[in-house]
Each structure stands twice: as C-alpha cells, then as structure tokens.
N, C-alpha and C. Protein backbone atom coordinates (compact mmCIF):
# COMPACT_ATOMS: atom_id res chain seq x y z
N MET A 1 0.86 -1.17 0.00
CA MET A 1 0.00 0.00 0.00
C MET A 1 0.90 1.23 0.00
N HIS A 2 0.86 1.99 -1.07
CA HIS A 2 1.74 3.15 -1.18
C HIS A 2 1.28 4.32 -0.34
N GLU A 3 0.08 4.25 0.21
CA GLU A 3 -0.40 5.32 1.08
C GLU A 3 0.47 5.46 2.33
N MET A 4 1.09 4.37 2.77
CA MET A 4 1.98 4.44 3.93
C MET A 4 3.17 5.35 3.64
N SER A 5 3.79 5.18 2.48
CA SER A 5 4.93 6.05 2.13
C SER A 5 4.46 7.48 1.88
N LEU A 6 3.26 7.65 1.36
CA LEU A 6 2.71 9.01 1.18
C LEU A 6 2.49 9.68 2.54
N ALA A 7 1.95 8.92 3.50
CA ALA A 7 1.72 9.47 4.84
C ALA A 7 3.06 9.83 5.50
N GLU A 8 4.07 8.99 5.29
CA GLU A 8 5.40 9.30 5.83
C GLU A 8 5.96 10.56 5.19
N GLY A 9 5.71 10.76 3.90
CA GLY A 9 6.15 11.97 3.22
C GLY A 9 5.45 13.20 3.75
N VAL A 10 4.16 13.09 4.02
CA VAL A 10 3.40 14.21 4.60
C VAL A 10 3.97 14.56 5.97
N LEU A 11 4.24 13.54 6.79
CA LEU A 11 4.84 13.77 8.10
C LEU A 11 6.17 14.50 7.97
N GLN A 12 7.01 14.07 7.04
CA GLN A 12 8.33 14.70 6.85
C GLN A 12 8.19 16.17 6.45
N VAL A 13 7.27 16.45 5.54
CA VAL A 13 7.04 17.84 5.10
C VAL A 13 6.62 18.71 6.28
N ILE A 14 5.72 18.18 7.11
CA ILE A 14 5.23 18.96 8.25
C ILE A 14 6.31 19.10 9.32
N GLU A 15 7.08 18.06 9.57
CA GLU A 15 8.18 18.18 10.53
C GLU A 15 9.21 19.20 10.07
N ASP A 16 9.52 19.21 8.79
CA ASP A 16 10.45 20.22 8.25
C ASP A 16 9.89 21.62 8.43
N SER A 17 8.60 21.78 8.20
CA SER A 17 7.95 23.07 8.37
C SER A 17 7.97 23.50 9.83
N ALA A 18 7.78 22.54 10.74
CA ALA A 18 7.82 22.85 12.18
C ALA A 18 9.18 23.37 12.59
N LYS A 19 10.23 22.77 12.06
CA LYS A 19 11.59 23.22 12.39
C LYS A 19 11.83 24.64 11.91
N SER A 20 11.38 24.94 10.70
CA SER A 20 11.65 26.27 10.15
C SER A 20 10.68 27.34 10.65
N ASN A 21 9.49 26.94 11.14
CA ASN A 21 8.50 27.92 11.58
C ASN A 21 8.26 27.91 13.09
N GLY A 22 8.89 27.00 13.81
CA GLY A 22 8.85 27.03 15.26
C GLY A 22 7.57 26.56 15.93
N PHE A 23 6.77 25.75 15.32
CA PHE A 23 5.60 25.23 16.03
C PHE A 23 5.93 23.84 16.57
N THR A 24 5.20 23.45 17.63
CA THR A 24 5.52 22.21 18.32
C THR A 24 4.40 21.18 18.31
N ARG A 25 3.24 21.58 17.85
CA ARG A 25 2.11 20.66 17.82
C ARG A 25 1.20 21.01 16.66
N VAL A 26 0.69 19.97 16.01
CA VAL A 26 -0.25 20.16 14.91
C VAL A 26 -1.61 19.63 15.36
N LYS A 27 -2.62 20.48 15.23
CA LYS A 27 -3.97 20.08 15.65
C LYS A 27 -4.79 19.54 14.47
N THR A 28 -4.63 20.17 13.29
CA THR A 28 -5.40 19.76 12.12
C THR A 28 -4.53 19.88 10.88
N VAL A 29 -4.67 18.90 9.99
CA VAL A 29 -3.99 18.91 8.70
C VAL A 29 -5.06 18.85 7.62
N TRP A 30 -5.03 19.80 6.70
CA TRP A 30 -5.89 19.75 5.53
C TRP A 30 -5.04 19.25 4.37
N LEU A 31 -5.41 18.09 3.87
CA LEU A 31 -4.66 17.44 2.81
C LEU A 31 -5.52 17.41 1.55
N GLU A 32 -5.04 18.06 0.51
CA GLU A 32 -5.76 18.11 -0.76
C GLU A 32 -5.36 16.91 -1.61
N ILE A 33 -6.35 16.13 -2.03
CA ILE A 33 -6.09 14.95 -2.84
C ILE A 33 -6.97 15.00 -4.08
N GLY A 34 -6.32 14.98 -5.24
CA GLY A 34 -7.05 15.01 -6.51
C GLY A 34 -7.65 13.65 -6.84
N ALA A 35 -8.75 13.68 -7.57
CA ALA A 35 -9.45 12.46 -7.97
C ALA A 35 -8.57 11.54 -8.81
N LEU A 36 -7.59 12.11 -9.51
CA LEU A 36 -6.71 11.33 -10.38
C LEU A 36 -5.35 11.05 -9.74
N ALA A 37 -5.21 11.31 -8.45
CA ALA A 37 -3.91 11.15 -7.78
C ALA A 37 -3.56 9.70 -7.48
N GLY A 38 -4.52 8.81 -7.57
CA GLY A 38 -4.24 7.41 -7.29
C GLY A 38 -4.08 7.12 -5.82
N VAL A 39 -4.74 7.91 -4.98
CA VAL A 39 -4.65 7.75 -3.54
C VAL A 39 -6.01 7.27 -3.02
N GLU A 40 -6.00 6.15 -2.31
CA GLU A 40 -7.21 5.64 -1.67
C GLU A 40 -7.37 6.40 -0.36
N VAL A 41 -8.43 7.20 -0.26
CA VAL A 41 -8.61 8.12 0.87
C VAL A 41 -8.68 7.38 2.21
N GLU A 42 -9.44 6.31 2.30
CA GLU A 42 -9.56 5.60 3.57
C GLU A 42 -8.24 4.96 3.98
N ALA A 43 -7.50 4.45 3.01
CA ALA A 43 -6.17 3.89 3.31
C ALA A 43 -5.24 5.00 3.78
N MET A 44 -5.36 6.18 3.19
CA MET A 44 -4.53 7.31 3.61
C MET A 44 -4.85 7.71 5.05
N ARG A 45 -6.12 7.72 5.40
CA ARG A 45 -6.51 8.04 6.78
C ARG A 45 -5.90 7.04 7.76
N PHE A 46 -6.01 5.76 7.43
CA PHE A 46 -5.47 4.70 8.29
C PHE A 46 -3.97 4.86 8.45
N CYS A 47 -3.27 5.05 7.33
CA CYS A 47 -1.80 5.17 7.37
C CYS A 47 -1.36 6.43 8.10
N PHE A 48 -2.08 7.53 7.89
CA PHE A 48 -1.77 8.79 8.57
C PHE A 48 -1.82 8.58 10.08
N ASP A 49 -2.91 7.96 10.56
CA ASP A 49 -3.05 7.73 12.00
C ASP A 49 -1.92 6.87 12.55
N ALA A 50 -1.49 5.89 11.77
CA ALA A 50 -0.40 5.01 12.21
C ALA A 50 0.95 5.73 12.23
N VAL A 51 1.20 6.53 11.22
CA VAL A 51 2.50 7.19 11.06
C VAL A 51 2.72 8.31 12.07
N VAL A 52 1.67 9.01 12.47
CA VAL A 52 1.84 10.19 13.32
C VAL A 52 1.92 9.88 14.81
N LYS A 53 1.79 8.62 15.19
CA LYS A 53 1.90 8.26 16.62
C LYS A 53 3.25 8.72 17.17
N ASN A 54 3.19 9.35 18.34
CA ASN A 54 4.39 9.82 19.06
C ASN A 54 5.19 10.86 18.28
N THR A 55 4.51 11.66 17.46
CA THR A 55 5.14 12.77 16.76
C THR A 55 4.39 14.05 17.10
N LEU A 56 4.81 15.17 16.57
CA LEU A 56 4.10 16.42 16.82
C LEU A 56 2.71 16.44 16.21
N LEU A 57 2.38 15.42 15.41
CA LEU A 57 1.05 15.31 14.82
C LEU A 57 0.16 14.32 15.56
N ASP A 58 0.67 13.70 16.62
CA ASP A 58 -0.11 12.71 17.36
C ASP A 58 -1.42 13.34 17.81
N GLY A 59 -2.53 12.72 17.44
CA GLY A 59 -3.85 13.23 17.79
C GLY A 59 -4.39 14.27 16.83
N ALA A 60 -3.63 14.63 15.80
CA ALA A 60 -4.09 15.64 14.84
C ALA A 60 -5.26 15.10 14.01
N ARG A 61 -6.16 15.98 13.69
CA ARG A 61 -7.30 15.63 12.84
C ARG A 61 -6.88 15.79 11.38
N LEU A 62 -7.20 14.81 10.55
CA LEU A 62 -6.90 14.86 9.12
C LEU A 62 -8.16 15.20 8.36
N GLU A 63 -8.14 16.31 7.68
CA GLU A 63 -9.26 16.74 6.83
C GLU A 63 -8.83 16.56 5.38
N ILE A 64 -9.61 15.80 4.62
CA ILE A 64 -9.32 15.56 3.21
C ILE A 64 -10.14 16.53 2.37
N VAL A 65 -9.45 17.28 1.51
CA VAL A 65 -10.10 18.17 0.56
C VAL A 65 -9.97 17.51 -0.80
N ALA A 66 -11.08 17.00 -1.30
CA ALA A 66 -11.07 16.31 -2.60
C ALA A 66 -11.18 17.33 -3.73
N THR A 67 -10.34 17.15 -4.75
CA THR A 67 -10.43 18.01 -5.93
C THR A 67 -10.80 17.16 -7.14
N GLU A 68 -11.55 17.75 -8.00
CA GLU A 68 -12.06 17.07 -9.18
C GLU A 68 -10.97 16.85 -10.22
N GLY A 69 -11.07 15.75 -10.94
CA GLY A 69 -10.16 15.51 -12.05
C GLY A 69 -10.58 16.34 -13.26
N GLN A 70 -9.61 16.83 -14.00
CA GLN A 70 -9.89 17.59 -15.22
C GLN A 70 -9.03 17.07 -16.35
N GLY A 71 -9.55 17.21 -17.54
CA GLY A 71 -8.79 16.80 -18.71
C GLY A 71 -9.09 17.70 -19.90
N TRP A 72 -8.18 17.66 -20.85
CA TRP A 72 -8.32 18.42 -22.09
C TRP A 72 -8.67 17.42 -23.18
N CYS A 73 -9.86 17.61 -23.80
CA CYS A 73 -10.29 16.70 -24.85
C CYS A 73 -9.68 17.16 -26.17
N LEU A 74 -8.89 16.29 -26.77
CA LEU A 74 -8.26 16.62 -28.05
C LEU A 74 -9.27 16.66 -29.18
N ASN A 75 -10.37 15.90 -29.05
CA ASN A 75 -11.38 15.88 -30.11
C ASN A 75 -12.21 17.16 -30.16
N CYS A 76 -12.73 17.59 -29.01
CA CYS A 76 -13.60 18.77 -29.04
C CYS A 76 -12.92 20.03 -28.53
N GLY A 77 -11.67 19.92 -28.05
CA GLY A 77 -10.90 21.10 -27.66
C GLY A 77 -11.42 21.79 -26.42
N LYS A 78 -11.98 21.04 -25.48
CA LYS A 78 -12.53 21.65 -24.27
C LYS A 78 -11.94 20.99 -23.02
N THR A 79 -11.92 21.76 -21.94
CA THR A 79 -11.55 21.22 -20.64
C THR A 79 -12.80 20.61 -20.03
N VAL A 80 -12.67 19.37 -19.56
CA VAL A 80 -13.84 18.64 -19.03
C VAL A 80 -13.49 17.99 -17.69
N ALA A 81 -14.53 17.71 -16.92
CA ALA A 81 -14.36 16.99 -15.65
C ALA A 81 -14.30 15.50 -15.95
N ILE A 82 -13.33 14.81 -15.32
CA ILE A 82 -13.23 13.36 -15.44
C ILE A 82 -13.00 12.76 -14.07
N GLN A 83 -13.48 11.54 -13.86
CA GLN A 83 -13.32 10.85 -12.59
C GLN A 83 -12.14 9.88 -12.59
N LEU A 84 -11.85 9.32 -13.76
CA LEU A 84 -10.75 8.38 -13.92
C LEU A 84 -9.88 8.81 -15.09
N ARG A 85 -8.62 8.42 -15.08
CA ARG A 85 -7.68 8.83 -16.13
C ARG A 85 -8.13 8.46 -17.54
N TYR A 86 -8.81 7.34 -17.68
CA TYR A 86 -9.17 6.89 -19.02
C TYR A 86 -10.65 7.03 -19.32
N ASP A 87 -11.30 7.94 -18.61
CA ASP A 87 -12.71 8.22 -18.90
C ASP A 87 -12.84 8.88 -20.27
N PRO A 88 -13.95 8.61 -20.94
CA PRO A 88 -14.20 9.32 -22.20
C PRO A 88 -14.64 10.76 -21.91
N CYS A 89 -14.55 11.59 -22.90
CA CYS A 89 -15.01 12.97 -22.80
C CYS A 89 -16.53 12.96 -22.58
N PRO A 90 -17.02 13.66 -21.55
CA PRO A 90 -18.46 13.68 -21.31
C PRO A 90 -19.22 14.49 -22.36
N LEU A 91 -18.51 15.27 -23.17
CA LEU A 91 -19.17 16.08 -24.19
C LEU A 91 -19.28 15.36 -25.54
N CYS A 92 -18.16 14.76 -25.97
CA CYS A 92 -18.17 14.15 -27.31
C CYS A 92 -18.03 12.63 -27.29
N GLY A 93 -17.70 12.06 -26.12
CA GLY A 93 -17.55 10.61 -26.01
C GLY A 93 -16.20 10.08 -26.47
N GLY A 94 -15.33 10.96 -26.94
CA GLY A 94 -14.01 10.55 -27.40
C GLY A 94 -13.10 10.15 -26.25
N TYR A 95 -12.14 9.28 -26.55
CA TYR A 95 -11.21 8.80 -25.53
C TYR A 95 -9.85 9.48 -25.58
N GLN A 96 -9.73 10.56 -26.29
CA GLN A 96 -8.47 11.29 -26.34
C GLN A 96 -8.51 12.47 -25.37
N VAL A 97 -8.56 12.12 -24.08
CA VAL A 97 -8.63 13.13 -23.03
C VAL A 97 -7.32 13.09 -22.26
N GLU A 98 -6.62 14.19 -22.28
CA GLU A 98 -5.33 14.33 -21.59
C GLU A 98 -5.59 14.91 -20.20
N PRO A 99 -5.28 14.17 -19.11
CA PRO A 99 -5.47 14.71 -17.77
C PRO A 99 -4.66 16.00 -17.55
N THR A 100 -5.30 17.01 -16.98
CA THR A 100 -4.64 18.29 -16.73
C THR A 100 -4.76 18.76 -15.29
N GLY A 101 -5.60 18.14 -14.49
CA GLY A 101 -5.78 18.57 -13.10
C GLY A 101 -6.35 17.46 -12.26
N GLY A 102 -6.18 17.59 -10.95
CA GLY A 102 -6.69 16.59 -10.03
C GLY A 102 -5.74 15.42 -9.84
N MET A 103 -4.47 15.60 -10.21
CA MET A 103 -3.48 14.53 -10.08
C MET A 103 -2.57 14.75 -8.87
N GLU A 104 -2.76 15.82 -8.15
CA GLU A 104 -1.85 16.20 -7.08
C GLU A 104 -2.36 15.80 -5.70
N MET A 105 -1.42 15.74 -4.78
CA MET A 105 -1.70 15.59 -3.37
C MET A 105 -0.77 16.56 -2.66
N ARG A 106 -1.33 17.41 -1.81
CA ARG A 106 -0.48 18.39 -1.13
C ARG A 106 -1.08 18.77 0.22
N VAL A 107 -0.21 19.19 1.12
CA VAL A 107 -0.66 19.74 2.38
C VAL A 107 -1.14 21.14 2.08
N LYS A 108 -2.44 21.35 2.26
CA LYS A 108 -3.04 22.63 1.91
C LYS A 108 -2.95 23.64 3.07
N GLU A 109 -3.18 23.13 4.29
CA GLU A 109 -3.23 24.04 5.45
C GLU A 109 -2.94 23.25 6.71
N LEU A 110 -2.44 23.95 7.73
CA LEU A 110 -2.20 23.36 9.05
C LEU A 110 -2.77 24.26 10.12
N GLU A 111 -3.30 23.65 11.16
CA GLU A 111 -3.64 24.37 12.38
C GLU A 111 -2.63 23.91 13.41
N VAL A 112 -1.82 24.85 13.92
CA VAL A 112 -0.69 24.50 14.78
C VAL A 112 -0.71 25.26 16.10
N GLU A 113 0.10 24.80 17.01
CA GLU A 113 0.32 25.51 18.29
C GLU A 113 1.80 25.76 18.47
C-alpha cells in the first residue's frame, strides 16, 4: 500500500515546516487529494493515524479536501471533468482526453500551536 509512504512523506514535510516555523504541535492537517492522484482516501486516513503516533502530529485531525479531475479533450478542444484517467469525454464521447488537473496531493493548510 503506497499510502503508507505518502503518509510518511506528509509527516516529513510537516516536521520540516515545524523546524523552520517554530511550532511544536499540529492540531489539524488539511490534505488536498485530486481524484486522479491514485490515492485511496480511507487507506490514507489509516496510514496517517499510524505514522503520526508519538510525533508532533499525534492526535491531529486529518481533513481531506477532494479536488475534481480535469482533462483536455483533443477531439472537441474543451476542458472537461473526469473521474478516472481513461474516462471518455463527457461532451463528445471521445477517448483522447489528456489529464490536466486533479493529479496532485499536497498539504493545503495546518492548524498548529
């Protein structure tokens, strides 16, 4: 399950930020996850809880901000919403849709002490 390494990466980013910004405890983490990021949200929640034990994030609440997938349809030349990487264009039905958004995962915001 790659969500474990993703959760470890999130912890590392936040610990680095704590060192440079001087906070000692994190109360809430807002994590933005795109529909096309390939991240299973429930697995991420489970892994996050396991990884943050005995760290400055221990007991922190994880808020997931889901973002919609977007793609550029080469057939009709429009930006469209897609749920999966290989979805057809909802406008023309063509399968030449290049993903352009919703592929990222990032720490959007922190509530710290």
